[in-house]
Amino acid sequence: MAIKKQFLKSKPVCKVTFTVPAEEANKVAVVGSFNEWNEKATPLKKLKNGSFKGTVDLESGKSHEFRYLVDGAYVNELEADGFAWSDYAGAENSVLNI
């Protein structure tokens, strides 16, 4: 899994590209505080190499909690900036510091 951040000079936004290697998966989405944990809001597109990829514009100067939803199972990003416990989920969420 990988995260790439590209900060824009023209506005306080960071383009974050999520890449998830999941050749066996049918559907992958990124859900988080930035899309109200809506599993339909940010689906990732399956590439020919079997990985899923998508880009999201996130507000700079904030921390965003998120997880991947791979065929209905939540998965954390190992390369996240950190992790935060969620009592609601009963698990840790990945954290991006933008």
PDB file of N, CA and C in Angstrom:
ATOM      1  N   MET A   1       0.852  -1.173   0.000  1.00  0.00           N
ATOM      2  CA  MET A   1       0.000   0.000   0.000  1.00  0.00           C
ATOM      3  C   MET A   1       0.891   1.227   0.000  1.00  0.00           C
ATOM      4  N   ALA A   2       0.367   2.297  -0.535  1.00  0.00           N
ATOM      5  CA  ALA A   2       1.174   3.505  -0.623  1.00  0.00           C
ATOM      6  C   ALA A   2       0.293   4.747  -0.626  1.00  0.00           C
ATOM      7  N   ILE A   3       0.891   5.825  -0.123  1.00  0.00           N
ATOM      8  CA  ILE A   3       0.239   7.129  -0.114  1.00  0.00           C
ATOM      9  C   ILE A   3       1.213   8.132  -0.720  1.00  0.00           C
ATOM     10  N   LYS A   4       0.715   8.954  -1.629  1.00  0.00           N
ATOM     11  CA  LYS A   4       1.539  10.009  -2.214  1.00  0.00           C
ATOM     12  C   LYS A   4       0.830  11.333  -1.979  1.00  0.00           C
ATOM     13  N   LYS A   5       1.540  12.326  -1.431  1.00  0.00           N
ATOM     14  CA  LYS A   5       0.959  13.641  -1.158  1.00  0.00           C
ATOM     15  C   LYS A   5       1.551  14.668  -2.110  1.00  0.00           C
ATOM     16  N   GLN A   6       0.677  15.496  -2.691  1.00  0.00           N
ATOM     17  CA  GLN A   6       1.114  16.579  -3.555  1.00  0.00           C
ATOM     18  C   GLN A   6       0.411  17.847  -3.104  1.00  0.00           C
ATOM     19  N   PHE A   7       1.181  18.765  -2.486  1.00  0.00           N
ATOM     20  CA  PHE A   7       0.609  20.006  -1.978  1.00  0.00           C
ATOM     21  C   PHE A   7       0.481  21.016  -3.116  1.00  0.00           C
ATOM     22  N   LEU A   8      -0.654  21.703  -3.170  1.00  0.00           N
ATOM     23  CA  LEU A   8      -0.882  22.719  -4.185  1.00  0.00           C
ATOM     24  C   LEU A   8      -0.453  24.078  -3.657  1.00  0.00           C
ATOM     25  N   LYS A   9       0.235  24.850  -4.488  1.00  0.00           N
ATOM     26  CA  LYS A   9       0.675  26.179  -4.078  1.00  0.00           C
ATOM     27  C   LYS A   9      -0.448  27.198  -4.170  1.00  0.00           C
ATOM     28  N   SER A  10      -1.410  26.953  -5.043  1.00  0.00           N
ATOM     29  CA  SER A  10      -2.468  27.922  -5.306  1.00  0.00           C
ATOM     30  C   SER A  10      -3.579  27.934  -4.251  1.00  0.00           C
ATOM     31  N   LYS A  11      -3.752  26.835  -3.515  1.00  0.00           N
ATOM     32  CA  LYS A  11      -4.799  26.788  -2.488  1.00  0.00           C
ATOM     33  C   LYS A  11      -4.397  25.799  -1.397  1.00  0.00           C
ATOM     34  N   PRO A  12      -5.044  25.909  -0.214  1.00  0.00           N
ATOM     35  CA  PRO A  12      -4.672  25.045   0.932  1.00  0.00           C
ATOM     36  C   PRO A  12      -5.222  23.632   0.799  1.00  0.00           C
ATOM     37  N   VAL A  13      -4.800  22.940  -0.259  1.00  0.00           N
ATOM     38  CA  VAL A  13      -5.283  21.602  -0.554  1.00  0.00           C
ATOM     39  C   VAL A  13      -4.093  20.702  -0.871  1.00  0.00           C
ATOM     40  N   CYS A  14      -4.221  19.445  -0.478  1.00  0.00           N
ATOM     41  CA  CYS A  14      -3.212  18.443  -0.804  1.00  0.00           C
ATOM     42  C   CYS A  14      -3.903  17.332  -1.590  1.00  0.00           C
ATOM     43  N   LYS A  15      -3.348  17.010  -2.757  1.00  0.00           N
ATOM     44  CA  LYS A  15      -3.856  15.878  -3.538  1.00  0.00           C
ATOM     45  C   LYS A  15      -3.202  14.616  -2.984  1.00  0.00           C
ATOM     46  N   VAL A  16      -4.010  13.717  -2.449  1.00  0.00           N
ATOM     47  CA  VAL A  16      -3.500  12.484  -1.855  1.00  0.00           C
ATOM     48  C   VAL A  16      -3.909  11.316  -2.758  1.00  0.00           C
ATOM     49  N   THR A  17      -2.904  10.573  -3.215  1.00  0.00           N
ATOM     50  CA  THR A  17      -3.161   9.408  -4.056  1.00  0.00           C
ATOM     51  C   THR A  17      -2.978   8.151  -3.224  1.00  0.00           C
ATOM     52  N   PHE A  18      -4.019   7.341  -3.171  1.00  0.00           N
ATOM     53  CA  PHE A  18      -4.010   6.080  -2.436  1.00  0.00           C
ATOM     54  C   PHE A  18      -3.816   4.944  -3.432  1.00  0.00           C
ATOM     55  N   THR A  19      -2.890   4.032  -3.147  1.00  0.00           N
ATOM     56  CA  THR A  19      -2.682   2.855  -3.982  1.00  0.00           C
ATOM     57  C   THR A  19      -2.729   1.613  -3.098  1.00  0.00           C
ATOM     58  N   VAL A  20      -3.579   0.668  -3.468  1.00  0.00           N
ATOM     59  CA  VAL A  20      -3.767  -0.552  -2.678  1.00  0.00           C
ATOM     60  C   VAL A  20      -3.544  -1.769  -3.579  1.00  0.00           C
ATOM     61  N   PRO A  21      -2.500  -2.579  -3.305  1.00  0.00           N
ATOM     62  CA  PRO A  21      -2.324  -3.804  -4.087  1.00  0.00           C
ATOM     63  C   PRO A  21      -3.304  -4.870  -3.577  1.00  0.00           C
ATOM     64  N   ALA A  22      -4.306  -5.165  -4.386  1.00  0.00           N
ATOM     65  CA  ALA A  22      -5.328  -6.130  -3.963  1.00  0.00           C
ATOM     66  C   ALA A  22      -5.831  -6.881  -5.196  1.00  0.00           C
ATOM     67  N   GLU A  23      -4.957  -7.676  -5.775  1.00  0.00           N
ATOM     68  CA  GLU A  23      -5.275  -8.369  -7.029  1.00  0.00           C
ATOM     69  C   GLU A  23      -6.523  -9.230  -6.939  1.00  0.00           C
ATOM     70  N   GLU A  24      -6.754  -9.844  -5.782  1.00  0.00           N
ATOM     71  CA  GLU A  24      -7.897 -10.750  -5.622  1.00  0.00           C
ATOM     72  C   GLU A  24      -9.199 -10.010  -5.324  1.00  0.00           C
ATOM     73  N   ALA A  25      -9.117  -8.723  -5.005  1.00  0.00           N
ATOM     74  CA  ALA A  25     -10.304  -7.968  -4.585  1.00  0.00           C
ATOM     75  C   ALA A  25     -11.161  -7.564  -5.774  1.00  0.00           C
ATOM     76  N   ASN A  26     -12.450  -7.402  -5.503  1.00  0.00           N
ATOM     77  CA  ASN A  26     -13.394  -6.910  -6.504  1.00  0.00           C
ATOM     78  C   ASN A  26     -13.650  -5.419  -6.344  1.00  0.00           C
ATOM     79  N   LYS A  27     -13.732  -4.964  -5.073  1.00  0.00           N
ATOM     80  CA  LYS A  27     -14.010  -3.555  -4.795  1.00  0.00           C
ATOM     81  C   LYS A  27     -13.120  -3.060  -3.673  1.00  0.00           C
ATOM     82  N   VAL A  28     -12.552  -1.868  -3.882  1.00  0.00           N
ATOM     83  CA  VAL A  28     -11.768  -1.209  -2.836  1.00  0.00           C
ATOM     84  C   VAL A  28     -12.196   0.253  -2.793  1.00  0.00           C
ATOM     85  N   ALA A  29     -12.387   0.765  -1.587  1.00  0.00           N
ATOM     86  CA  ALA A  29     -12.726   2.173  -1.398  1.00  0.00           C
ATOM     87  C   ALA A  29     -11.905   2.707  -0.234  1.00  0.00           C
ATOM     88  N   VAL A  30     -11.735   4.017  -0.205  1.00  0.00           N
ATOM     89  CA  VAL A  30     -11.112   4.638   0.962  1.00  0.00           C
ATOM     90  C   VAL A  30     -12.224   5.410   1.678  1.00  0.00           C
ATOM     91  N   VAL A  31     -12.361   5.146   2.971  1.00  0.00           N
ATOM     92  CA  VAL A  31     -13.391   5.794   3.782  1.00  0.00           C
ATOM     93  C   VAL A  31     -12.701   6.507   4.934  1.00  0.00           C
ATOM     94  N   GLY A  32     -13.263   7.656   5.318  1.00  0.00           N
ATOM     95  CA  GLY A  32     -12.614   8.381   6.401  1.00  0.00           C
ATOM     96  C   GLY A  32     -13.381   9.612   6.827  1.00  0.00           C
ATOM     97  N   SER A  33     -12.736  10.373   7.690  1.00  0.00           N
ATOM     98  CA  SER A  33     -13.348  11.578   8.231  1.00  0.00           C
ATOM     99  C   SER A  33     -13.624  12.604   7.131  1.00  0.00           C
ATOM    100  N   PHE A  34     -12.894  12.529   6.038  1.00  0.00           N
ATOM    101  CA  PHE A  34     -13.046  13.488   4.940  1.00  0.00           C
ATOM    102  C   PHE A  34     -14.255  13.191   4.048  1.00  0.00           C
ATOM    103  N   ASN A  35     -14.814  11.990   4.114  1.00  0.00           N
ATOM    104  CA  ASN A  35     -16.012  11.670   3.328  1.00  0.00           C
ATOM    105  C   ASN A  35     -17.115  11.051   4.195  1.00  0.00           C
ATOM    106  N   GLU A  36     -17.062  11.357   5.479  1.00  0.00           N
ATOM    107  CA  GLU A  36     -18.059  10.899   6.461  1.00  0.00           C
ATOM    108  C   GLU A  36     -18.194   9.383   6.486  1.00  0.00           C
ATOM    109  N   TRP A  37     -17.084   8.675   6.225  1.00  0.00           N
ATOM    110  CA  TRP A  37     -17.005   7.210   6.278  1.00  0.00           C
ATOM    111  C   TRP A  37     -18.011   6.563   5.318  1.00  0.00           C
ATOM    112  N   ASN A  38     -18.290   7.256   4.212  1.00  0.00           N
ATOM    113  CA  ASN A  38     -19.237   6.760   3.216  1.00  0.00           C
ATOM    114  C   ASN A  38     -18.508   5.839   2.246  1.00  0.00           C
ATOM    115  N   GLU A  39     -18.852   4.560   2.260  1.00  0.00           N
ATOM    116  CA  GLU A  39     -18.136   3.574   1.447  1.00  0.00           C
ATOM    117  C   GLU A  39     -18.364   3.752  -0.053  1.00  0.00           C
ATOM    118  N   LYS A  40     -19.383   4.518  -0.433  1.00  0.00           N
ATOM    119  CA  LYS A  40     -19.644   4.750  -1.855  1.00  0.00           C
ATOM    120  C   LYS A  40     -19.036   6.058  -2.356  1.00  0.00           C
ATOM    121  N   ALA A  41     -18.536   6.899  -1.457  1.00  0.00           N
ATOM    122  CA  ALA A  41     -18.062   8.233  -1.836  1.00  0.00           C
ATOM    123  C   ALA A  41     -16.730   8.219  -2.573  1.00  0.00           C
ATOM    124  N   THR A  42     -15.824   7.317  -2.214  1.00  0.00           N
ATOM    125  CA  THR A  42     -14.482   7.336  -2.780  1.00  0.00           C
ATOM    126  C   THR A  42     -14.017   5.939  -3.180  1.00  0.00           C
ATOM    127  N   PRO A  43     -14.617   5.381  -4.236  1.00  0.00           N
ATOM    128  CA  PRO A  43     -14.131   4.080  -4.711  1.00  0.00           C
ATOM    129  C   PRO A  43     -12.782   4.252  -5.412  1.00  0.00           C
ATOM    130  N   LEU A  44     -11.941   3.245  -5.330  1.00  0.00           N
ATOM    131  CA  LEU A  44     -10.664   3.256  -6.031  1.00  0.00           C
ATOM    132  C   LEU A  44     -10.819   2.450  -7.315  1.00  0.00           C
ATOM    133  N   LYS A  45     -10.081   2.854  -8.332  1.00  0.00           N
ATOM    134  CA  LYS A  45     -10.181   2.217  -9.650  1.00  0.00           C
ATOM    135  C   LYS A  45      -9.158   1.100  -9.772  1.00  0.00           C
ATOM    136  N   LYS A  46      -9.614  -0.046 -10.278  1.00  0.00           N
ATOM    137  CA  LYS A  46      -8.717  -1.188 -10.449  1.00  0.00           C
ATOM    138  C   LYS A  46      -7.858  -0.975 -11.690  1.00  0.00           C
ATOM    139  N   LEU A  47      -6.542  -1.137 -11.538  1.00  0.00           N
ATOM    140  CA  LEU A  47      -5.596  -0.985 -12.639  1.00  0.00           C
ATOM    141  C   LEU A  47      -5.258  -2.344 -13.241  1.00  0.00           C
ATOM    142  N   LYS A  48      -4.621  -2.327 -14.399  1.00  0.00           N
ATOM    143  CA  LYS A  48      -4.258  -3.569 -15.084  1.00  0.00           C
ATOM    144  C   LYS A  48      -3.317  -4.434 -14.263  1.00  0.00           C
ATOM    145  N   ASN A  49      -2.478  -3.801 -13.412  1.00  0.00           N
ATOM    146  CA  ASN A  49      -1.531  -4.576 -12.601  1.00  0.00           C
ATOM    147  C   ASN A  49      -2.183  -5.194 -11.361  1.00  0.00           C
ATOM    148  N   GLY A  50      -3.493  -4.992 -11.190  1.00  0.00           N
ATOM    149  CA  GLY A  50      -4.205  -5.600 -10.076  1.00  0.00           C
ATOM    150  C   GLY A  50      -4.349  -4.709  -8.855  1.00  0.00           C
ATOM    151  N   SER A  51      -3.670  -3.575  -8.841  1.00  0.00           N
ATOM    152  CA  SER A  51      -3.807  -2.668  -7.702  1.00  0.00           C
ATOM    153  C   SER A  51      -4.974  -1.713  -7.938  1.00  0.00           C
ATOM    154  N   PHE A  52      -5.419  -1.078  -6.865  1.00  0.00           N
ATOM    155  CA  PHE A  52      -6.489  -0.092  -6.921  1.00  0.00           C
ATOM    156  C   PHE A  52      -5.898   1.267  -6.600  1.00  0.00           C
ATOM    157  N   LYS A  53      -6.380   2.310  -7.299  1.00  0.00           N
ATOM    158  CA  LYS A  53      -5.781   3.632  -7.122  1.00  0.00           C
ATOM    159  C   LYS A  53      -6.844   4.709  -7.227  1.00  0.00           C
ATOM    160  N   GLY A  54      -6.660   5.766  -6.438  1.00  0.00           N
ATOM    161  CA  GLY A  54      -7.563   6.914  -6.489  1.00  0.00           C
ATOM    162  C   GLY A  54      -6.936   8.114  -5.819  1.00  0.00           C
ATOM    163  N   THR A  55      -7.387   9.307  -6.217  1.00  0.00           N
ATOM    164  CA  THR A  55      -6.853  10.554  -5.672  1.00  0.00           C
ATOM    165  C   THR A  55      -7.975  11.355  -5.031  1.00  0.00           C
ATOM    166  N   VAL A  56      -7.670  11.933  -3.864  1.00  0.00           N
ATOM    167  CA  VAL A  56      -8.635  12.725  -3.115  1.00  0.00           C
ATOM    168  C   VAL A  56      -7.984  14.054  -2.758  1.00  0.00           C
ATOM    169  N   ASP A  57      -8.736  15.155  -2.889  1.00  0.00           N
ATOM    170  CA  ASP A  57      -8.254  16.461  -2.443  1.00  0.00           C
ATOM    171  C   ASP A  57      -8.625  16.632  -0.975  1.00  0.00           C
ATOM    172  N   LEU A  58      -7.598  16.816  -0.129  1.00  0.00           N
ATOM    173  CA  LEU A  58      -7.834  16.982   1.307  1.00  0.00           C
ATOM    174  C   LEU A  58      -7.341  18.346   1.756  1.00  0.00           C
ATOM    175  N   GLU A  59      -8.056  18.921   2.706  1.00  0.00           N
ATOM    176  CA  GLU A  59      -7.704  20.232   3.235  1.00  0.00           C
ATOM    177  C   GLU A  59      -6.382  20.166   3.993  1.00  0.00           C
ATOM    178  N   SER A  60      -5.505  21.116   3.698  1.00  0.00           N
ATOM    179  CA  SER A  60      -4.197  21.183   4.373  1.00  0.00           C
ATOM    180  C   SER A  60      -4.358  21.698   5.804  1.00  0.00           C
ATOM    181  N   GLY A  61      -3.375  21.382   6.636  1.00  0.00           N
ATOM    182  CA  GLY A  61      -3.371  21.854   8.017  1.00  0.00           C
ATOM    183  C   GLY A  61      -4.260  21.045   8.938  1.00  0.00           C
ATOM    184  N   LYS A  62      -4.652  19.842   8.513  1.00  0.00           N
ATOM    185  CA  LYS A  62      -5.540  19.005   9.331  1.00  0.00           C
ATOM    186  C   LYS A  62      -5.030  17.572   9.374  1.00  0.00           C
ATOM    187  N   SER A  63      -5.564  16.825  10.320  1.00  0.00           N
ATOM    188  CA  SER A  63      -5.348  15.383  10.369  1.00  0.00           C
ATOM    189  C   SER A  63      -6.642  14.716   9.935  1.00  0.00           C
ATOM    190  N   HIS A  64      -6.510  13.663   9.142  1.00  0.00           N
ATOM    191  CA  HIS A  64      -7.671  12.939   8.631  1.00  0.00           C
ATOM    192  C   HIS A  64      -7.527  11.460   8.981  1.00  0.00           C
ATOM    193  N   GLU A  65      -8.566  10.883   9.599  1.00  0.00           N
ATOM    194  CA  GLU A  65      -8.566   9.445   9.889  1.00  0.00           C
ATOM    195  C   GLU A  65      -9.219   8.718   8.720  1.00  0.00           C
ATOM    196  N   PHE A  66      -8.689   7.525   8.387  1.00  0.00           N
ATOM    197  CA  PHE A  66      -9.249   6.770   7.273  1.00  0.00           C
ATOM    198  C   PHE A  66      -8.885   5.300   7.386  1.00  0.00           C
ATOM    199  N   ARG A  67      -9.562   4.486   6.584  1.00  0.00           N
ATOM    200  CA  ARG A  67      -9.249   3.064   6.411  1.00  0.00           C
ATOM    201  C   ARG A  67      -9.641   2.684   5.002  1.00  0.00           C
ATOM    202  N   TYR A  68      -9.089   1.599   4.518  1.00  0.00           N
ATOM    203  CA  TYR A  68      -9.517   1.044   3.240  1.00  0.00           C
ATOM    204  C   TYR A  68     -10.620   0.039   3.498  1.00  0.00           C
ATOM    205  N   LEU A  69     -11.547  -0.058   2.573  1.00  0.00           N
ATOM    206  CA  LEU A  69     -12.606  -1.049   2.632  1.00  0.00           C
ATOM    207  C   LEU A  69     -12.393  -1.974   1.433  1.00  0.00           C
ATOM    208  N   VAL A  70     -11.845  -3.161   1.696  1.00  0.00           N
ATOM    209  CA  VAL A  70     -11.493  -4.116   0.651  1.00  0.00           C
ATOM    210  C   VAL A  70     -12.498  -5.267   0.703  1.00  0.00           C
ATOM    211  N   ASP A  71     -13.377  -5.310  -0.285  1.00  0.00           N
ATOM    212  CA  ASP A  71     -14.443  -6.324  -0.345  1.00  0.00           C
ATOM    213  C   ASP A  71     -15.171  -6.459   0.997  1.00  0.00           C
ATOM    214  N   GLY A  72     -15.479  -5.320   1.612  1.00  0.00           N
ATOM    215  CA  GLY A  72     -16.250  -5.312   2.852  1.00  0.00           C
ATOM    216  C   GLY A  72     -15.441  -5.418   4.134  1.00  0.00           C
ATOM    217  N   ALA A  73     -14.109  -5.633   4.031  1.00  0.00           N
ATOM    218  CA  ALA A  73     -13.260  -5.743   5.227  1.00  0.00           C
ATOM    219  C   ALA A  73     -12.403  -4.487   5.367  1.00  0.00           C
ATOM    220  N   TYR A  74     -12.346  -3.950   6.586  1.00  0.00           N
ATOM    221  CA  TYR A  74     -11.542  -2.760   6.838  1.00  0.00           C
ATOM    222  C   TYR A  74     -10.067  -3.126   6.961  1.00  0.00           C
ATOM    223  N   VAL A  75      -9.219  -2.316   6.313  1.00  0.00           N
ATOM    224  CA  VAL A  75      -7.772  -2.539   6.311  1.00  0.00           C
ATOM    225  C   VAL A  75      -7.087  -1.199   6.547  1.00  0.00           C
ATOM    226  N   ASN A  76      -6.064  -1.197   7.407  1.00  0.00           N
ATOM    227  CA  ASN A  76      -5.307   0.022   7.655  1.00  0.00           C
ATOM    228  C   ASN A  76      -4.160   0.172   6.662  1.00  0.00           C
ATOM    229  N   GLU A  77      -3.734   1.413   6.483  1.00  0.00           N
ATOM    230  CA  GLU A  77      -2.578   1.737   5.652  1.00  0.00           C
ATOM    231  C   GLU A  77      -1.332   1.668   6.519  1.00  0.00           C
ATOM    232  N   LEU A  78      -0.420   0.757   6.192  1.00  0.00           N
ATOM    233  CA  LEU A  78       0.784   0.575   6.998  1.00  0.00           C
ATOM    234  C   LEU A  78       1.721   1.762   6.912  1.00  0.00           C
ATOM    235  N   GLU A  79       1.648   2.547   5.816  1.00  0.00           N
ATOM    236  CA  GLU A  79       2.516   3.714   5.644  1.00  0.00           C
ATOM    237  C   GLU A  79       1.855   5.009   6.098  1.00  0.00           C
ATOM    238  N   ALA A  80       0.787   4.915   6.893  1.00  0.00           N
ATOM    239  CA  ALA A  80       0.099   6.108   7.393  1.00  0.00           C
ATOM    240  C   ALA A  80       1.030   6.908   8.304  1.00  0.00           C
ATOM    241  N   ASP A  81       0.672   8.180   8.491  1.00  0.00           N
ATOM    242  CA  ASP A  81       1.466   9.045   9.370  1.00  0.00           C
ATOM    243  C   ASP A  81       1.328   8.641  10.836  1.00  0.00           C
ATOM    244  N   GLY A  82       0.268   7.931  11.152  1.00  0.00           N
ATOM    245  CA  GLY A  82       0.042   7.481  12.520  1.00  0.00           C
ATOM    246  C   GLY A  82      -1.242   6.676  12.592  1.00  0.00           C
ATOM    247  N   PHE A  83      -1.611   6.318  13.811  1.00  0.00           N
ATOM    248  CA  PHE A  83      -2.825   5.541  14.037  1.00  0.00           C
ATOM    249  C   PHE A  83      -3.556   6.117  15.240  1.00  0.00           C
ATOM    250  N   ALA A  84      -4.892   6.076  15.207  1.00  0.00           N
ATOM    251  CA  ALA A  84      -5.701   6.601  16.302  1.00  0.00           C
ATOM    252  C   ALA A  84      -6.783   5.589  16.643  1.00  0.00           C
ATOM    253  N   TRP A  85      -6.953   5.327  17.932  1.00  0.00           N
ATOM    254  CA  TRP A  85      -7.963   4.378  18.380  1.00  0.00           C
ATOM    255  C   TRP A  85      -9.353   4.965  18.176  1.00  0.00           C
ATOM    256  N   SER A  86     -10.270   4.164  17.675  1.00  0.00           N
ATOM    257  CA  SER A  86     -11.659   4.563  17.497  1.00  0.00           C
ATOM    258  C   SER A  86     -12.533   3.660  18.362  1.00  0.00           C
ATOM    259  N   ASP A  87     -13.182   4.254  19.364  1.00  0.00           N
ATOM    260  CA  ASP A  87     -14.099   3.479  20.195  1.00  0.00           C
ATOM    261  C   ASP A  87     -15.281   2.990  19.366  1.00  0.00           C
ATOM    262  N   TYR A  88     -15.698   3.779  18.385  1.00  0.00           N
ATOM    263  CA  TYR A  88     -16.833   3.407  17.534  1.00  0.00           C
ATOM    264  C   TYR A  88     -16.530   2.123  16.752  1.00  0.00           C
ATOM    265  N   ALA A  89     -15.330   2.066  16.170  1.00  0.00           N
ATOM    266  CA  ALA A  89     -14.956   0.890  15.369  1.00  0.00           C
ATOM    267  C   ALA A  89     -14.377  -0.233  16.217  1.00  0.00           C
ATOM    268  N   GLY A  90     -13.904   0.118  17.412  1.00  0.00           N
ATOM    269  CA  GLY A  90     -13.244  -0.884  18.244  1.00  0.00           C
ATOM    270  C   GLY A  90     -11.912  -1.317  17.657  1.00  0.00           C
ATOM    271  N   ALA A  91     -11.281  -0.393  16.919  1.00  0.00           N
ATOM    272  CA  ALA A  91     -10.016  -0.682  16.246  1.00  0.00           C
ATOM    273  C   ALA A  91      -9.299   0.634  15.972  1.00  0.00           C
ATOM    274  N   GLU A  92      -8.076   0.513  15.484  1.00  0.00           N
ATOM    275  CA  GLU A  92      -7.328   1.712  15.122  1.00  0.00           C
ATOM    276  C   GLU A  92      -7.661   2.138  13.703  1.00  0.00           C
ATOM    277  N   ASN A  93      -7.663   3.448  13.489  1.00  0.00           N
ATOM    278  CA  ASN A  93      -7.786   4.014  12.154  1.00  0.00           C
ATOM    279  C   ASN A  93      -6.415   4.535  11.737  1.00  0.00           C
ATOM    280  N   SER A  94      -6.164   4.557  10.444  1.00  0.00           N
ATOM    281  CA  SER A  94      -4.963   5.182   9.914  1.00  0.00           C
ATOM    282  C   SER A  94      -5.154   6.696   9.980  1.00  0.00           C
ATOM    283  N   VAL A  95      -4.050   7.437  10.127  1.00  0.00           N
ATOM    284  CA  VAL A  95      -4.118   8.900  10.215  1.00  0.00           C
ATOM    285  C   VAL A  95      -3.187   9.519   9.177  1.00  0.00           C
ATOM    286  N   LEU A  96      -3.703  10.524   8.479  1.00  0.00           N
ATOM    287  CA  LEU A  96      -2.895  11.339   7.559  1.00  0.00           C
ATOM    288  C   LEU A  96      -2.775  12.725   8.135  1.00  0.00           C
ATOM    289  N   ASN A  97      -1.562  13.230   8.255  1.00  0.00           N
ATOM    290  CA  ASN A  97      -1.337  14.605   8.682  1.00  0.00           C
ATOM    291  C   ASN A  97      -0.996  15.417   7.441  1.00  0.00           C
ATOM    292  N   ILE A  98      -1.879  16.330   7.089  1.00  0.00           N
ATOM    293  CA  ILE A  98      -1.706  17.114   5.863  1.00  0.00           C
ATOM    294  C   ILE A  98      -1.281  18.526   6.223  1.00  0.00           C
TER     295      ILE A  98
END
